[in-house]
Each structure stands twice: as structure tokens, then as C-alpha cells.
Protein backbone atom coordinates (compact mmCIF):
# COMPACT_ATOMS: atom_id res chain seq x y z
CA UNK A 1 -2.43 108.00 29.53
CA UNK A 2 -5.28 105.91 28.03
CA UNK A 3 -6.31 103.38 30.20
CA UNK A 4 -7.00 100.16 28.01
CA UNK A 5 -9.93 98.14 29.90
CA UNK A 6 -11.50 94.32 28.07
CA UNK A 7 -14.51 94.70 25.76
CA UNK A 8 -15.22 92.43 23.20
CA UNK A 9 -12.08 90.46 22.26
CA UNK A 10 -9.51 92.72 22.95
CA UNK A 11 -8.20 91.94 26.24
CA UNK A 12 -5.72 93.67 28.58
CA UNK A 13 -2.01 93.26 28.99
CA UNK A 14 0.61 94.67 31.33
CA UNK A 15 2.09 95.09 28.17
CA UNK A 16 -1.14 96.35 25.97
CA UNK A 17 -4.23 95.57 24.33
CA UNK A 18 -4.21 91.84 22.81
CA UNK A 19 -6.68 91.52 20.65
CA UNK A 20 -7.99 87.62 20.93
CA UNK A 21 -10.06 85.31 18.76
CA UNK A 22 -12.55 84.24 21.15
CA UNK A 23 -15.58 86.79 21.41
CA UNK A 24 -17.51 87.14 24.38
CA UNK A 25 -20.94 86.29 24.29
CA UNK A 26 -23.86 88.62 25.68
CA UNK A 27 -24.38 87.06 29.06
CA UNK A 28 -27.56 86.68 31.75
CA UNK A 29 -27.78 85.00 34.80
CA UNK A 30 -30.63 84.35 37.18
CA UNK A 31 -31.07 83.01 40.31
CA UNK A 32 -33.97 81.22 41.39
CA UNK A 33 -35.27 79.16 44.20
CA UNK A 34 -34.13 75.35 42.87
CA UNK A 35 -32.49 76.58 39.98
CA UNK A 36 -30.31 79.17 37.85
CA UNK A 37 -31.05 80.02 34.82
CA UNK A 38 -27.71 80.95 32.36
CA UNK A 39 -29.20 82.35 28.86
CA UNK A 40 -26.31 83.70 26.42
CA UNK A 41 -26.38 85.14 22.86
CA UNK A 42 -24.85 82.85 20.59
CA UNK A 43 -25.64 84.27 17.05
CA UNK A 44 -24.81 82.40 14.22
CA UNK A 45 -23.70 78.97 14.70
CA UNK A 46 -25.22 75.84 15.37
CA UNK A 47 -26.56 73.65 18.04
CA UNK A 48 -24.17 71.09 17.13
CA UNK A 49 -21.38 72.91 17.73
CA UNK A 50 -21.89 74.74 21.23
CA UNK A 51 -20.22 73.10 23.88
CA UNK A 52 -20.77 73.35 27.29
CA UNK A 53 -19.05 72.58 30.33
CA UNK A 54 -19.66 72.43 34.02
CA UNK A 55 -19.06 70.59 37.14
CA UNK A 56 -21.26 72.46 40.07
CA UNK A 57 -19.55 76.01 40.12
CA UNK A 58 -18.59 77.00 36.62
CA UNK A 59 -20.16 76.61 33.64
CA UNK A 60 -18.18 77.33 30.43
CA UNK A 61 -19.85 78.23 27.16
CA UNK A 62 -17.47 77.53 23.77
CA UNK A 63 -17.87 77.75 20.14
CA UNK A 64 -15.68 77.07 17.36
CA UNK A 65 -15.92 77.21 14.43
CA UNK A 66 -14.25 78.28 10.77
CA UNK A 67 -16.62 81.95 11.15
CA UNK A 68 -17.06 82.17 14.62
CA UNK A 69 -15.55 81.62 17.87
CA UNK A 70 -16.79 82.41 21.69
CA UNK A 71 -15.38 81.76 24.70
CA UNK A 72 -17.25 82.44 28.31
CA UNK A 73 -16.25 81.30 31.27
CA UNK A 74 -18.82 82.16 34.67
CA UNK A 75 -18.37 81.24 37.57
CA UNK A 76 -22.44 80.40 39.48
CA UNK A 77 -24.06 81.69 42.06
CA UNK A 78 -25.30 78.68 43.52
CA UNK A 79 -23.56 75.62 43.78
CA UNK A 80 -25.60 73.26 41.16
CA UNK A 81 -25.57 69.53 40.04
CA UNK A 82 -24.84 69.06 36.22
CA UNK A 83 -26.17 66.12 35.82
CA UNK A 84 -29.51 67.50 35.98
CA UNK A 85 -28.45 70.42 33.00
CA UNK A 86 -31.18 71.17 30.19
CA UNK A 87 -30.17 73.60 27.14
CA UNK A 88 -32.20 75.15 24.71
CA UNK A 89 -30.34 76.83 21.57
CA UNK A 90 -33.26 78.89 19.63
CA UNK A 91 -32.33 81.93 17.08
CA UNK A 92 -29.11 82.54 18.37
CA UNK A 93 -30.44 82.36 21.48
CA UNK A 94 -28.82 80.06 24.30
CA UNK A 95 -30.49 78.64 27.65
CA UNK A 96 -29.29 76.98 30.15
CA UNK A 97 -30.94 75.91 33.51
CA UNK A 98 -29.36 73.84 36.33
CA UNK A 99 -30.94 72.60 39.63
CA UNK A 100 -29.63 74.10 42.69
CA UNK A 101 -27.80 71.55 45.24
CA UNK A 102 -30.31 71.70 48.08
CA UNK A 103 -27.27 71.62 51.34
CA UNK A 104 -27.02 68.51 53.39
CA UNK A 105 -27.39 69.33 56.65
CA UNK A 106 -24.11 68.15 58.82
CA UNK A 107 -23.68 66.58 62.56
CA UNK A 108 -25.74 64.46 63.89
CA UNK A 109 -28.80 65.09 65.56
CA UNK A 110 -28.95 65.94 69.30
CA UNK A 111 -31.63 65.47 71.70
CA UNK A 112 -32.69 67.43 74.39
CA UNK A 113 -33.25 66.69 77.33
């Protein structure tokens, strides 16, 4: 029996393969010392058509135009500050840089006598 794996815009379901309109862009996620960098290939769209959303743990990239539809939901490798996000789009490549949240030390300092 053949096995259907997720590829491009074909998603496996228990009822057989399902075709979805959105394509999943090729994405690379890199974790650096103080930031997370996401690079996505989104050819054939204008930067105004790109919708980016981040909650600190996930990044959602979506494009919904008549000609092209892309959707990708990414779990980020570290907690980030969404308000620090910087995004650029050039020649079909989207680059998003997000600053990592520094974990705060919890608890109260105890003096050793």
C-alpha cells in the first residue's frame, strides 16, 4: 500500500490525500546568540501582501492573493520579543529578525553568612 507524505500543497488525511490552495514556502530558521532569523522564499508576491504574526513562541507567515497563496506556521527555537521584529523582502526572499527574550532570574537573592 503506498504511503502519502506531506509535500508542497498535498496534505495526507485519513480519507486520502487532500489538495490545499496554500503553498508552504521553503523556510530556514537560524538561532544566533541574541536573535532568531527566519528566511522564507515567497516568489511572485509584493511585500504589501505578506502578513506576519508572532506571539513570542510562533511565527505565522501568510500571503493570500488571487495569484499566490502561501501559509507557514513555525515554532521558534527560543522565546522572542515580537515588538523587536524587523522584516525585509527582496527578490522573493523574506528575512525576519527577532530578538530573543532574556530569561529573567526568578526568586530572591539569598545572602550566604
